[in-house]
Amino acid sequence: MMKGGMGNLMKQAQQMQANMQKAQDELANIEVEGIAANGLVKIQMTCKNEVKRVVLDDSLMDDKETLEDLLVIALKDAGAKVEATASARMANFMPAGMKLPF
């Protein structure tokens, strides 16, 4: 009787692992957009932290220091959105109270 229960537990764990892998694969295709200065700087990245596109308003080209600062802000914004999206997607597969390492 104990062996059957352990077998079911292993099957459930394997299913959970397969579902988590599927969710991670889906996250690689989901893109978010980080924005700074009301859209003067936009950065698109996947939920696997791969930057896909950077859009800069022409008005920023004369001020290197401001542009650098706005790029950092947009990257942080995109990173926060990636984290929120990934956490929301993966939360369905994790026991309550367990945090993901990414």
PDB file of N, CA and C in Angstrom:
ATOM      1  N   MET A   1       0.827  -1.186   0.000  1.00  0.00           N
ATOM      2  CA  MET A   1       0.000   0.000   0.000  1.00  0.00           C
ATOM      3  C   MET A   1       0.877   1.258   0.000  1.00  0.00           C
ATOM      4  N   MET A   2       1.917   1.233   0.778  1.00  0.00           N
ATOM      5  CA  MET A   2       2.812   2.389   0.853  1.00  0.00           C
ATOM      6  C   MET A   2       3.501   2.616  -0.491  1.00  0.00           C
ATOM      7  N   LYS A   3       3.848   1.532  -1.195  1.00  0.00           N
ATOM      8  CA  LYS A   3       4.551   1.654  -2.459  1.00  0.00           C
ATOM      9  C   LYS A   3       3.684   2.357  -3.505  1.00  0.00           C
ATOM     10  N   GLY A   4       2.389   2.040  -3.552  1.00  0.00           N
ATOM     11  CA  GLY A   4       1.478   2.680  -4.493  1.00  0.00           C
ATOM     12  C   GLY A   4       1.366   4.171  -4.246  1.00  0.00           C
ATOM     13  N   GLY A   5       1.297   4.569  -2.992  1.00  0.00           N
ATOM     14  CA  GLY A   5       1.218   5.982  -2.647  1.00  0.00           C
ATOM     15  C   GLY A   5       2.464   6.731  -3.079  1.00  0.00           C
ATOM     16  N   MET A   6       3.616   6.091  -2.914  1.00  0.00           N
ATOM     17  CA  MET A   6       4.887   6.708  -3.304  1.00  0.00           C
ATOM     18  C   MET A   6       4.968   6.817  -4.827  1.00  0.00           C
ATOM     19  N   GLY A   7       4.446   5.807  -5.518  1.00  0.00           N
ATOM     20  CA  GLY A   7       4.437   5.839  -6.985  1.00  0.00           C
ATOM     21  C   GLY A   7       3.580   6.976  -7.501  1.00  0.00           C
ATOM     22  N   ASN A   8       2.418   7.173  -6.873  1.00  0.00           N
ATOM     23  CA  ASN A   8       1.545   8.279  -7.271  1.00  0.00           C
ATOM     24  C   ASN A   8       2.201   9.624  -7.004  1.00  0.00           C
ATOM     25  N   LEU A   9       2.885   9.709  -5.879  1.00  0.00           N
ATOM     26  CA  LEU A   9       3.584  10.943  -5.537  1.00  0.00           C
ATOM     27  C   LEU A   9       4.666  11.254  -6.571  1.00  0.00           C
ATOM     28  N   MET A  10       5.389  10.234  -7.006  1.00  0.00           N
ATOM     29  CA  MET A  10       6.439  10.421  -8.023  1.00  0.00           C
ATOM     30  C   MET A  10       5.818  10.857  -9.355  1.00  0.00           C
ATOM     31  N   LYS A  11       4.689  10.256  -9.724  1.00  0.00           N
ATOM     32  CA  LYS A  11       4.013  10.643 -10.964  1.00  0.00           C
ATOM     33  C   LYS A  11       3.565  12.100 -10.900  1.00  0.00           C
ATOM     34  N   GLN A  12       3.041  12.506  -9.753  1.00  0.00           N
ATOM     35  CA  GLN A  12       2.610  13.892  -9.584  1.00  0.00           C
ATOM     36  C   GLN A  12       3.796  14.847  -9.687  1.00  0.00           C
ATOM     37  N   ALA A  13       4.914  14.465  -9.086  1.00  0.00           N
ATOM     38  CA  ALA A  13       6.116  15.303  -9.140  1.00  0.00           C
ATOM     39  C   ALA A  13       6.625  15.421 -10.571  1.00  0.00           C
ATOM     40  N   GLN A  14       6.600  14.316 -11.307  1.00  0.00           N
ATOM     41  CA  GLN A  14       7.048  14.353 -12.698  1.00  0.00           C
ATOM     42  C   GLN A  14       6.119  15.213 -13.551  1.00  0.00           C
ATOM     43  N   GLN A  15       4.822  15.122 -13.297  1.00  0.00           N
ATOM     44  CA  GLN A  15       3.859  15.927 -14.034  1.00  0.00           C
ATOM     45  C   GLN A  15       4.061  17.413 -13.732  1.00  0.00           C
ATOM     46  N   MET A  16       4.284  17.726 -12.453  1.00  0.00           N
ATOM     47  CA  MET A  16       4.527  19.110 -12.068  1.00  0.00           C
ATOM     48  C   MET A  16       5.791  19.626 -12.750  1.00  0.00           C
ATOM     49  N   GLN A  17       6.828  18.813 -12.801  1.00  0.00           N
ATOM     50  CA  GLN A  17       8.079  19.213 -13.438  1.00  0.00           C
ATOM     51  C   GLN A  17       7.858  19.454 -14.940  1.00  0.00           C
ATOM     52  N   ALA A  18       7.090  18.584 -15.587  1.00  0.00           N
ATOM     53  CA  ALA A  18       6.808  18.757 -17.012  1.00  0.00           C
ATOM     54  C   ALA A  18       6.007  20.032 -17.250  1.00  0.00           C
ATOM     55  N   ASN A  19       5.042  20.300 -16.397  1.00  0.00           N
ATOM     56  CA  ASN A  19       4.240  21.522 -16.525  1.00  0.00           C
ATOM     57  C   ASN A  19       5.090  22.767 -16.314  1.00  0.00           C
ATOM     58  N   MET A  20       5.996  22.717 -15.359  1.00  0.00           N
ATOM     59  CA  MET A  20       6.877  23.865 -15.109  1.00  0.00           C
ATOM     60  C   MET A  20       7.798  24.099 -16.300  1.00  0.00           C
ATOM     61  N   GLN A  21       8.312  23.034 -16.894  1.00  0.00           N
ATOM     62  CA  GLN A  21       9.179  23.176 -18.062  1.00  0.00           C
ATOM     63  C   GLN A  21       8.410  23.793 -19.221  1.00  0.00           C
ATOM     64  N   LYS A  22       7.167  23.359 -19.408  1.00  0.00           N
ATOM     65  CA  LYS A  22       6.331  23.916 -20.466  1.00  0.00           C
ATOM     66  C   LYS A  22       6.106  25.415 -20.227  1.00  0.00           C
ATOM     67  N   ALA A  23       5.820  25.781 -18.987  1.00  0.00           N
ATOM     68  CA  ALA A  23       5.604  27.194 -18.652  1.00  0.00           C
ATOM     69  C   ALA A  23       6.876  28.008 -18.900  1.00  0.00           C
ATOM     70  N   GLN A  24       8.032  27.461 -18.552  1.00  0.00           N
ATOM     71  CA  GLN A  24       9.293  28.168 -18.789  1.00  0.00           C
ATOM     72  C   GLN A  24       9.545  28.355 -20.281  1.00  0.00           C
ATOM     73  N   ASP A  25       9.216  27.331 -21.067  1.00  0.00           N
ATOM     74  CA  ASP A  25       9.375  27.444 -22.517  1.00  0.00           C
ATOM     75  C   ASP A  25       8.451  28.528 -23.079  1.00  0.00           C
ATOM     76  N   GLU A  26       7.229  28.596 -22.546  1.00  0.00           N
ATOM     77  CA  GLU A  26       6.293  29.633 -22.977  1.00  0.00           C
ATOM     78  C   GLU A  26       6.799  31.024 -22.606  1.00  0.00           C
ATOM     79  N   LEU A  27       7.425  31.144 -21.447  1.00  0.00           N
ATOM     80  CA  LEU A  27       7.946  32.442 -21.011  1.00  0.00           C
ATOM     81  C   LEU A  27       9.003  32.979 -21.974  1.00  0.00           C
ATOM     82  N   ALA A  28       9.736  32.087 -22.609  1.00  0.00           N
ATOM     83  CA  ALA A  28      10.770  32.521 -23.554  1.00  0.00           C
ATOM     84  C   ALA A  28      10.159  33.265 -24.737  1.00  0.00           C
ATOM     85  N   ASN A  29       8.871  33.035 -24.999  1.00  0.00           N
ATOM     86  CA  ASN A  29       8.204  33.674 -26.128  1.00  0.00           C
ATOM     87  C   ASN A  29       7.363  34.882 -25.733  1.00  0.00           C
ATOM     88  N   ILE A  30       7.227  35.125 -24.450  1.00  0.00           N
ATOM     89  CA  ILE A  30       6.443  36.266 -23.982  1.00  0.00           C
ATOM     90  C   ILE A  30       7.356  37.484 -23.882  1.00  0.00           C
ATOM     91  N   GLU A  31       6.918  38.592 -24.460  1.00  0.00           N
ATOM     92  CA  GLU A  31       7.708  39.814 -24.419  1.00  0.00           C
ATOM     93  C   GLU A  31       7.019  40.862 -23.549  1.00  0.00           C
ATOM     94  N   VAL A  32       7.837  41.630 -22.848  1.00  0.00           N
ATOM     95  CA  VAL A  32       7.356  42.755 -22.056  1.00  0.00           C
ATOM     96  C   VAL A  32       8.081  43.998 -22.554  1.00  0.00           C
ATOM     97  N   GLU A  33       7.552  45.157 -22.170  1.00  0.00           N
ATOM     98  CA  GLU A  33       8.176  46.406 -22.598  1.00  0.00           C
ATOM     99  C   GLU A  33       8.469  47.274 -21.387  1.00  0.00           C
ATOM    100  N   GLY A  34       9.726  47.644 -21.235  1.00  0.00           N
ATOM    101  CA  GLY A  34      10.131  48.589 -20.208  1.00  0.00           C
ATOM    102  C   GLY A  34      10.127  49.981 -20.805  1.00  0.00           C
ATOM    103  N   ILE A  35       9.610  50.943 -20.042  1.00  0.00           N
ATOM    104  CA  ILE A  35       9.453  52.301 -20.561  1.00  0.00           C
ATOM    105  C   ILE A  35      10.076  53.297 -19.591  1.00  0.00           C
ATOM    106  N   ALA A  36      10.682  54.349 -20.148  1.00  0.00           N
ATOM    107  CA  ALA A  36      11.207  55.453 -19.342  1.00  0.00           C
ATOM    108  C   ALA A  36      10.813  56.759 -20.011  1.00  0.00           C
ATOM    109  N   ALA A  37      10.644  57.784 -19.198  1.00  0.00           N
ATOM    110  CA  ALA A  37      10.347  59.149 -19.663  1.00  0.00           C
ATOM    111  C   ALA A  37       9.136  59.181 -20.587  1.00  0.00           C
ATOM    112  N   ASN A  38       8.048  58.597 -20.115  1.00  0.00           N
ATOM    113  CA  ASN A  38       6.785  58.606 -20.870  1.00  0.00           C
ATOM    114  C   ASN A  38       6.938  58.084 -22.293  1.00  0.00           C
ATOM    115  N   GLY A  39       7.770  57.064 -22.460  1.00  0.00           N
ATOM    116  CA  GLY A  39       7.901  56.430 -23.769  1.00  0.00           C
ATOM    117  C   GLY A  39       9.029  56.940 -24.633  1.00  0.00           C
ATOM    118  N   LEU A  40       9.853  57.854 -24.115  1.00  0.00           N
ATOM    119  CA  LEU A  40      10.993  58.313 -24.910  1.00  0.00           C
ATOM    120  C   LEU A  40      12.017  57.196 -25.097  1.00  0.00           C
ATOM    121  N   VAL A  41      12.069  56.277 -24.137  1.00  0.00           N
ATOM    122  CA  VAL A  41      12.927  55.102 -24.230  1.00  0.00           C
ATOM    123  C   VAL A  41      12.046  53.889 -23.973  1.00  0.00           C
ATOM    124  N   LYS A  42      12.121  52.913 -24.893  1.00  0.00           N
ATOM    125  CA  LYS A  42      11.369  51.671 -24.753  1.00  0.00           C
ATOM    126  C   LYS A  42      12.312  50.497 -25.000  1.00  0.00           C
ATOM    127  N   ILE A  43      12.203  49.495 -24.145  1.00  0.00           N
ATOM    128  CA  ILE A  43      13.014  48.292 -24.307  1.00  0.00           C
ATOM    129  C   ILE A  43      12.085  47.088 -24.263  1.00  0.00           C
ATOM    130  N   GLN A  44      12.127  46.288 -25.313  1.00  0.00           N
ATOM    131  CA  GLN A  44      11.356  45.057 -25.355  1.00  0.00           C
ATOM    132  C   GLN A  44      12.279  43.898 -25.032  1.00  0.00           C
ATOM    133  N   MET A  45      11.824  43.033 -24.125  1.00  0.00           N
ATOM    134  CA  MET A  45      12.613  41.856 -23.793  1.00  0.00           C
ATOM    135  C   MET A  45      11.694  40.686 -23.515  1.00  0.00           C
ATOM    136  N   THR A  46      12.236  39.488 -23.680  1.00  0.00           N
ATOM    137  CA  THR A  46      11.467  38.284 -23.377  1.00  0.00           C
ATOM    138  C   THR A  46      11.508  38.039 -21.877  1.00  0.00           C
ATOM    139  N   CYS A  47      10.663  37.151 -21.437  1.00  0.00           N
ATOM    140  CA  CYS A  47      10.653  36.775 -20.020  1.00  0.00           C
ATOM    141  C   CYS A  47      11.820  35.854 -19.673  1.00  0.00           C
ATOM    142  N   LYS A  48      12.727  35.669 -20.615  1.00  0.00           N
ATOM    143  CA  LYS A  48      13.997  34.987 -20.353  1.00  0.00           C
ATOM    144  C   LYS A  48      15.140  36.000 -20.365  1.00  0.00           C
ATOM    145  N   ASN A  49      14.777  37.287 -20.219  1.00  0.00           N
ATOM    146  CA  ASN A  49      15.724  38.404 -20.138  1.00  0.00           C
ATOM    147  C   ASN A  49      16.556  38.617 -21.398  1.00  0.00           C
ATOM    148  N   GLU A  50      16.007  38.282 -22.541  1.00  0.00           N
ATOM    149  CA  GLU A  50      16.682  38.524 -23.806  1.00  0.00           C
ATOM    150  C   GLU A  50      16.120  39.823 -24.403  1.00  0.00           C
ATOM    151  N   VAL A  51      16.978  40.835 -24.524  1.00  0.00           N
ATOM    152  CA  VAL A  51      16.547  42.114 -25.087  1.00  0.00           C
ATOM    153  C   VAL A  51      16.333  41.917 -26.583  1.00  0.00           C
ATOM    154  N   LYS A  52      15.141  42.302 -27.045  1.00  0.00           N
ATOM    155  CA  LYS A  52      14.777  42.137 -28.447  1.00  0.00           C
ATOM    156  C   LYS A  52      14.871  43.434 -29.236  1.00  0.00           C
ATOM    157  N   ARG A  53      14.549  44.559 -28.558  1.00  0.00           N
ATOM    158  CA  ARG A  53      14.516  45.821 -29.278  1.00  0.00           C
ATOM    159  C   ARG A  53      14.677  46.985 -28.314  1.00  0.00           C
ATOM    160  N   VAL A  54      15.370  48.010 -28.784  1.00  0.00           N
ATOM    161  CA  VAL A  54      15.510  49.261 -28.041  1.00  0.00           C
ATOM    162  C   VAL A  54      15.045  50.384 -28.967  1.00  0.00           C
ATOM    163  N   VAL A  55      14.110  51.191 -28.474  1.00  0.00           N
ATOM    164  CA  VAL A  55      13.590  52.317 -29.255  1.00  0.00           C
ATOM    165  C   VAL A  55      13.908  53.596 -28.489  1.00  0.00           C
ATOM    166  N   LEU A  56      14.594  54.526 -29.171  1.00  0.00           N
ATOM    167  CA  LEU A  56      14.999  55.788 -28.560  1.00  0.00           C
ATOM    168  C   LEU A  56      14.399  56.946 -29.343  1.00  0.00           C
ATOM    169  N   ASP A  57      13.818  57.894 -28.631  1.00  0.00           N
ATOM    170  CA  ASP A  57      13.298  59.084 -29.275  1.00  0.00           C
ATOM    171  C   ASP A  57      14.471  59.939 -29.753  1.00  0.00           C
ATOM    172  N   ASP A  58      14.324  60.528 -30.925  1.00  0.00           N
ATOM    173  CA  ASP A  58      15.394  61.359 -31.500  1.00  0.00           C
ATOM    174  C   ASP A  58      15.803  62.518 -30.602  1.00  0.00           C
ATOM    175  N   SER A  59      14.890  63.015 -29.791  1.00  0.00           N
ATOM    176  CA  SER A  59      15.195  64.167 -28.940  1.00  0.00           C
ATOM    177  C   SER A  59      16.253  63.852 -27.887  1.00  0.00           C
ATOM    178  N   LEU A  60      16.533  62.583 -27.652  1.00  0.00           N
ATOM    179  CA  LEU A  60      17.504  62.188 -26.629  1.00  0.00           C
ATOM    180  C   LEU A  60      18.934  62.073 -27.157  1.00  0.00           C
ATOM    181  N   MET A  61      19.118  62.189 -28.447  1.00  0.00           N
ATOM    182  CA  MET A  61      20.424  61.922 -29.048  1.00  0.00           C
ATOM    183  C   MET A  61      21.496  62.946 -28.693  1.00  0.00           C
ATOM    184  N   ASP A  62      21.102  64.116 -28.240  1.00  0.00           N
ATOM    185  CA  ASP A  62      22.081  65.158 -27.926  1.00  0.00           C
ATOM    186  C   ASP A  62      22.528  65.138 -26.470  1.00  0.00           C
ATOM    187  N   ASP A  63      21.881  64.327 -25.639  1.00  0.00           N
ATOM    188  CA  ASP A  63      22.190  64.309 -24.210  1.00  0.00           C
ATOM    189  C   ASP A  63      22.537  62.887 -23.776  1.00  0.00           C
ATOM    190  N   LYS A  64      23.810  62.562 -23.919  1.00  0.00           N
ATOM    191  CA  LYS A  64      24.278  61.202 -23.655  1.00  0.00           C
ATOM    192  C   LYS A  64      23.989  60.768 -22.220  1.00  0.00           C
ATOM    193  N   GLU A  65      24.249  61.620 -21.260  1.00  0.00           N
ATOM    194  CA  GLU A  65      24.076  61.260 -19.851  1.00  0.00           C
ATOM    195  C   GLU A  65      22.611  60.950 -19.533  1.00  0.00           C
ATOM    196  N   THR A  66      21.712  61.761 -20.014  1.00  0.00           N
ATOM    197  CA  THR A  66      20.281  61.519 -19.791  1.00  0.00           C
ATOM    198  C   THR A  66      19.856  60.222 -20.476  1.00  0.00           C
ATOM    199  N   LEU A  67      20.327  60.007 -21.686  1.00  0.00           N
ATOM    200  CA  LEU A  67      20.000  58.788 -22.414  1.00  0.00           C
ATOM    201  C   LEU A  67      20.461  57.552 -21.649  1.00  0.00           C
ATOM    202  N   GLU A  68      21.674  57.607 -21.124  1.00  0.00           N
ATOM    203  CA  GLU A  68      22.185  56.476 -20.337  1.00  0.00           C
ATOM    204  C   GLU A  68      21.306  56.206 -19.119  1.00  0.00           C
ATOM    205  N   ASP A  69      20.917  57.261 -18.427  1.00  0.00           N
ATOM    206  CA  ASP A  69      20.054  57.113 -17.247  1.00  0.00           C
ATOM    207  C   ASP A  69      18.697  56.520 -17.622  1.00  0.00           C
ATOM    208  N   LEU A  70      18.136  56.993 -18.720  1.00  0.00           N
ATOM    209  CA  LEU A  70      16.825  56.499 -19.149  1.00  0.00           C
ATOM    210  C   LEU A  70      16.885  55.043 -19.612  1.00  0.00           C
ATOM    211  N   LEU A  71      17.994  54.647 -20.200  1.00  0.00           N
ATOM    212  CA  LEU A  71      18.166  53.236 -20.572  1.00  0.00           C
ATOM    213  C   LEU A  71      18.163  52.342 -19.339  1.00  0.00           C
ATOM    214  N   VAL A  72      18.835  52.782 -18.294  1.00  0.00           N
ATOM    215  CA  VAL A  72      18.859  52.015 -17.041  1.00  0.00           C
ATOM    216  C   VAL A  72      17.447  51.911 -16.462  1.00  0.00           C
ATOM    217  N   ILE A  73      16.720  53.015 -16.466  1.00  0.00           N
ATOM    218  CA  ILE A  73      15.355  53.016 -15.931  1.00  0.00           C
ATOM    219  C   ILE A  73      14.466  52.067 -16.738  1.00  0.00           C
ATOM    220  N   ALA A  74      14.558  52.118 -18.063  1.00  0.00           N
ATOM    221  CA  ALA A  74      13.742  51.256 -18.912  1.00  0.00           C
ATOM    222  C   ALA A  74      14.104  49.789 -18.719  1.00  0.00           C
ATOM    223  N   LEU A  75      15.384  49.494 -18.558  1.00  0.00           N
ATOM    224  CA  LEU A  75      15.807  48.105 -18.307  1.00  0.00           C
ATOM    225  C   LEU A  75      15.281  47.601 -16.967  1.00  0.00           C
ATOM    226  N   LYS A  76      15.327  48.442 -15.946  1.00  0.00           N
ATOM    227  CA  LYS A  76      14.792  48.049 -14.644  1.00  0.00           C
ATOM    228  C   LYS A  76      13.288  47.817 -14.722  1.00  0.00           C
ATOM    229  N   ASP A  77      12.596  48.671 -15.459  1.00  0.00           N
ATOM    230  CA  ASP A  77      11.154  48.524 -15.631  1.00  0.00           C
ATOM    231  C   ASP A  77      10.838  47.208 -16.342  1.00  0.00           C
ATOM    232  N   ALA A  78      11.568  46.914 -17.404  1.00  0.00           N
ATOM    233  CA  ALA A  78      11.362  45.659 -18.130  1.00  0.00           C
ATOM    234  C   ALA A  78      11.670  44.469 -17.230  1.00  0.00           C
ATOM    235  N   GLY A  79      12.746  44.552 -16.458  1.00  0.00           N
ATOM    236  CA  GLY A  79      13.114  43.467 -15.547  1.00  0.00           C
ATOM    237  C   GLY A  79      12.041  43.206 -14.508  1.00  0.00           C
ATOM    238  N   ALA A  80      11.449  44.265 -13.982  1.00  0.00           N
ATOM    239  CA  ALA A  80      10.374  44.106 -12.998  1.00  0.00           C
ATOM    240  C   ALA A  80       9.154  43.449 -13.632  1.00  0.00           C
ATOM    241  N   LYS A  81       8.861  43.813 -14.866  1.00  0.00           N
ATOM    242  CA  LYS A  81       7.722  43.215 -15.567  1.00  0.00           C
ATOM    243  C   LYS A  81       7.985  41.748 -15.894  1.00  0.00           C
ATOM    244  N   VAL A  82       9.223  41.419 -16.243  1.00  0.00           N
ATOM    245  CA  VAL A  82       9.590  40.025 -16.480  1.00  0.00           C
ATOM    246  C   VAL A  82       9.376  39.208 -15.206  1.00  0.00           C
ATOM    247  N   GLU A  83       9.868  39.721 -14.097  1.00  0.00           N
ATOM    248  CA  GLU A  83       9.741  39.014 -12.823  1.00  0.00           C
ATOM    249  C   GLU A  83       8.272  38.806 -12.452  1.00  0.00           C
ATOM    250  N   ALA A  84       7.465  39.832 -12.612  1.00  0.00           N
ATOM    251  CA  ALA A  84       6.039  39.730 -12.276  1.00  0.00           C
ATOM    252  C   ALA A  84       5.333  38.724 -13.178  1.00  0.00           C
ATOM    253  N   THR A  85       5.647  38.770 -14.465  1.00  0.00           N
ATOM    254  CA  THR A  85       5.018  37.844 -15.413  1.00  0.00           C
ATOM    255  C   THR A  85       5.433  36.408 -15.127  1.00  0.00           C
ATOM    256  N   ALA A  86       6.721  36.198 -14.905  1.00  0.00           N
ATOM    257  CA  ALA A  86       7.214  34.848 -14.631  1.00  0.00           C
ATOM    258  C   ALA A  86       6.635  34.316 -13.329  1.00  0.00           C
ATOM    259  N   SER A  87       6.585  35.136 -12.314  1.00  0.00           N
ATOM    260  CA  SER A  87       6.035  34.697 -11.022  1.00  0.00           C
ATOM    261  C   SER A  87       4.572  34.321 -11.154  1.00  0.00           C
ATOM    262  N   ALA A  88       3.822  35.115 -11.898  1.00  0.00           N
ATOM    263  CA  ALA A  88       2.398  34.833 -12.070  1.00  0.00           C
ATOM    264  C   ALA A  88       2.190  33.523 -12.830  1.00  0.00           C
ATOM    265  N   ARG A  89       2.984  33.296 -13.859  1.00  0.00           N
ATOM    266  CA  ARG A  89       2.856  32.070 -14.648  1.00  0.00           C
ATOM    267  C   ARG A  89       3.259  30.838 -13.856  1.00  0.00           C
ATOM    268  N   MET A  90       4.351  30.954 -13.113  1.00  0.00           N
ATOM    269  CA  MET A  90       4.896  29.783 -12.420  1.00  0.00           C
ATOM    270  C   MET A  90       4.187  29.506 -11.095  1.00  0.00           C
ATOM    271  N   ALA A  91       3.474  30.478 -10.569  1.00  0.00           N
ATOM    272  CA  ALA A  91       2.799  30.303  -9.279  1.00  0.00           C
ATOM    273  C   ALA A  91       1.796  29.157  -9.314  1.00  0.00           C
ATOM    274  N   ASN A  92       1.241  28.892 -10.469  1.00  0.00           N
ATOM    275  CA  ASN A  92       0.262  27.812 -10.595  1.00  0.00           C
ATOM    276  C   ASN A  92       0.869  26.439 -10.358  1.00  0.00           C
ATOM    277  N   PHE A  93       2.174  26.333 -10.481  1.00  0.00           N
ATOM    278  CA  PHE A  93       2.833  25.036 -10.385  1.00  0.00           C
ATOM    279  C   PHE A  93       3.579  24.825  -9.082  1.00  0.00           C
ATOM    280  N   MET A  94       3.592  25.836  -8.231  1.00  0.00           N
ATOM    281  CA  MET A  94       4.361  25.744  -6.993  1.00  0.00           C
ATOM    282  C   MET A  94       3.427  25.653  -5.789  1.00  0.00           C
ATOM    283  N   PRO A  95       3.830  24.897  -4.788  1.00  0.00           N
ATOM    284  CA  PRO A  95       3.052  24.859  -3.558  1.00  0.00           C
ATOM    285  C   PRO A  95       3.020  26.258  -2.909  1.00  0.00           C
ATOM    286  N   ALA A  96       1.959  26.547  -2.193  1.00  0.00           N
ATOM    287  CA  ALA A  96       1.803  27.857  -1.553  1.00  0.00           C
ATOM    288  C   ALA A  96       2.996  28.169  -0.665  1.00  0.00           C
ATOM    289  N   GLY A  97       3.492  29.395  -0.776  1.00  0.00           N
ATOM    290  CA  GLY A  97       4.589  29.848   0.069  1.00  0.00           C
ATOM    291  C   GLY A  97       5.975  29.549  -0.483  1.00  0.00           C
ATOM    292  N   MET A  98       6.077  28.764  -1.526  1.00  0.00           N
ATOM    293  CA  MET A  98       7.377  28.410  -2.098  1.00  0.00           C
ATOM    294  C   MET A  98       7.744  29.431  -3.157  1.00  0.00           C
ATOM    295  N   LYS A  99       8.950  30.036  -3.054  1.00  0.00           N
ATOM    296  CA  LYS A  99       9.392  31.045  -4.012  1.00  0.00           C
ATOM    297  C   LYS A  99      10.294  30.408  -5.054  1.00  0.00           C
ATOM    298  N   LEU A 100      10.245  30.983  -6.248  1.00  0.00           N
ATOM    299  CA  LEU A 100      11.101  30.518  -7.336  1.00  0.00           C
ATOM    300  C   LEU A 100      12.447  31.229  -7.270  1.00  0.00           C
ATOM    301  N   PRO A 101      13.495  30.568  -7.757  1.00  0.00           N
ATOM    302  CA  PRO A 101      14.830  31.163  -7.690  1.00  0.00           C
ATOM    303  C   PRO A 101      15.121  32.161  -8.799  1.00  0.00           C
ATOM    304  N   PHE A 102      14.144  32.591  -9.566  1.00  0.00           N
ATOM    305  CA  PHE A 102      14.374  33.565 -10.630  1.00  0.00           C
ATOM    306  C   PHE A 102      13.321  34.627 -10.627  1.00  0.00           C
TER     307      PHE A 102
END
